[in-house]
Protein backbone atom coordinates (compact mmCIF):
# COMPACT_ATOMS: atom_id res chain seq x y z
CA MET A 1 3.99 -4.52 6.61
CA LEU A 2 4.66 -3.17 3.14
CA ALA A 3 2.70 -4.43 0.14
CA THR A 4 3.82 -3.25 -3.28
CA ASN A 5 3.28 -3.98 -6.94
CA ALA A 6 7.02 -3.54 -7.48
CA HIS A 7 8.82 -6.63 -8.76
CA PRO A 8 10.86 -8.34 -6.00
CA VAL A 9 14.12 -7.41 -7.76
CA THR A 10 13.02 -3.78 -8.01
CA LEU A 11 11.96 -3.83 -4.37
CA ALA A 12 15.40 -5.13 -3.38
CA ILE A 13 17.10 -2.38 -5.41
CA LYS A 14 14.92 0.27 -3.77
CA ASP A 15 15.65 -1.19 -0.34
CA ASP A 16 19.40 -1.17 -1.04
CA ALA A 17 19.19 2.48 -2.08
CA VAL A 18 16.88 3.76 0.65
CA GLY A 19 16.95 1.16 3.44
CA ILE A 20 13.23 0.74 3.99
CA ALA A 21 13.19 -2.90 5.13
CA PRO A 22 14.07 -2.15 8.79
CA HIS A 23 10.85 -0.13 9.08
CA PHE A 24 8.63 -3.13 8.32
CA ASP A 25 8.08 -6.58 9.79
CA LYS A 26 7.50 -7.95 6.29
CA MET A 27 7.59 -6.71 2.73
CA TYR A 28 5.48 -8.36 0.04
CA SER A 29 5.66 -7.92 -3.69
CA SER A 30 2.32 -8.62 -5.34
CA HIS A 31 4.25 -10.88 -7.72
CA VAL A 32 4.44 -13.58 -5.04
CA PHE A 33 0.63 -13.77 -5.10
CA GLY A 34 0.40 -13.76 -8.90
CA ALA A 35 -1.83 -10.69 -8.97
CA PRO A 36 -1.46 -6.93 -8.45
CA LYS A 37 -3.00 -5.11 -5.50
CA GLU A 38 -5.84 -4.06 -7.80
CA ASP A 39 -6.96 -7.70 -8.03
CA ALA A 40 -8.96 -9.62 -5.41
CA ARG A 41 -6.51 -12.55 -5.78
CA PHE A 42 -3.79 -10.37 -4.23
CA TRP A 43 -5.91 -9.79 -1.12
CA HIS A 44 -6.82 -13.47 -0.83
CA GLY A 45 -3.12 -14.35 -1.06
CA LEU A 46 -2.10 -11.73 1.48
CA PHE A 47 -4.81 -12.82 3.92
CA ALA A 48 -3.63 -16.43 3.53
CA ALA A 49 0.01 -15.45 4.16
CA GLU A 50 -0.65 -13.17 7.13
CA ARG A 51 -3.08 -13.14 10.01
CA ILE A 52 -4.82 -9.92 9.07
CA ASP A 53 -8.09 -8.80 10.58
CA PRO A 54 -9.47 -6.52 7.86
CA ALA A 55 -11.71 -4.77 10.40
CA ARG A 56 -8.63 -3.70 12.38
CA THR A 57 -6.30 -2.99 9.45
CA MET A 58 -5.23 0.35 7.99
CA PHE A 59 -4.08 0.42 4.38
CA ILE A 60 -2.43 3.45 2.80
CA ASP A 61 -1.98 3.85 -0.94
CA ASP A 62 -1.75 6.47 -3.67
CA SER A 63 -3.95 4.66 -6.21
CA LEU A 64 -7.72 4.97 -6.22
CA VAL A 65 -8.04 1.60 -7.97
CA VAL A 66 -5.91 -0.11 -5.32
CA LEU A 67 -7.79 1.60 -2.49
CA ALA A 68 -11.09 0.46 -4.00
CA ALA A 69 -9.76 -3.12 -4.20
CA ALA A 70 -8.68 -2.95 -0.56
CA LYS A 71 -12.12 -1.68 0.41
CA ALA A 72 -13.78 -4.50 -1.55
CA ALA A 73 -11.50 -6.96 0.28
CA GLY A 74 -12.88 -5.67 3.58
CA ILE A 75 -10.06 -3.41 4.76
CA ALA A 76 -11.85 -1.05 7.11
CA HIS A 77 -9.40 1.84 7.47
CA LEU A 78 -8.19 3.35 4.23
CA LEU A 79 -6.01 6.39 3.71
CA ALA A 80 -5.18 7.94 0.34
CA VAL A 81 -1.90 9.72 -0.40
CA SER A 82 -2.65 12.57 -2.78
CA ARG A 83 0.93 13.66 -3.53
CA PRO A 84 3.21 10.61 -3.71
CA ASP A 85 5.55 12.45 -6.12
CA SER A 86 6.96 15.68 -4.70
CA THR A 87 7.56 17.02 -8.22
CA ARG A 88 3.84 16.93 -9.04
CA PRO A 89 0.79 18.60 -7.51
CA ALA A 90 -1.59 16.79 -5.17
CA ARG A 91 -4.40 14.85 -6.82
CA GLU A 92 -8.05 14.56 -5.89
CA MET A 93 -8.78 11.28 -4.07
CA PRO A 94 -12.59 11.26 -3.89
CA GLY A 95 -14.23 8.88 -1.49
CA PHE A 96 -11.21 8.42 0.79
CA THR A 97 -9.69 10.21 3.75
CA THR A 98 -6.60 11.85 2.32
CA ILE A 99 -3.17 12.97 3.39
CA GLU A 100 -0.81 14.76 1.04
CA THR A 101 2.35 12.79 1.83
CA ILE A 102 3.38 9.90 4.08
CA ALA A 103 5.32 12.43 6.17
CA ASP A 104 1.92 13.86 7.20
CA LEU A 105 1.39 10.74 9.32
CA ASN A 106 3.86 12.01 11.91
CA GLY A 107 3.11 15.69 11.56
CA SER A 108 6.25 16.49 9.54
């Protein structure tokens, strides 16, 4: 599942350009829950929409504020992406297990 703060129209444009939808069962824009991922209301909405067991869920993000919100919502397995933009250097992500890029998940 993909959860993003991108507007649904922007998400559709990105999907048309890159073709990410086939890699996910569902894609959610935080706009459908009326709150960004940084807000507890997002997590309440997501948990109501999906059968998610926070103790068995991994969430990956590049924002410390979003990762902290996920932790507060009970998500047990958190992974920070320190270099989401290949044109910029990696950032410090204190308090979270960190990978540099999503490609690091498969050893690329």
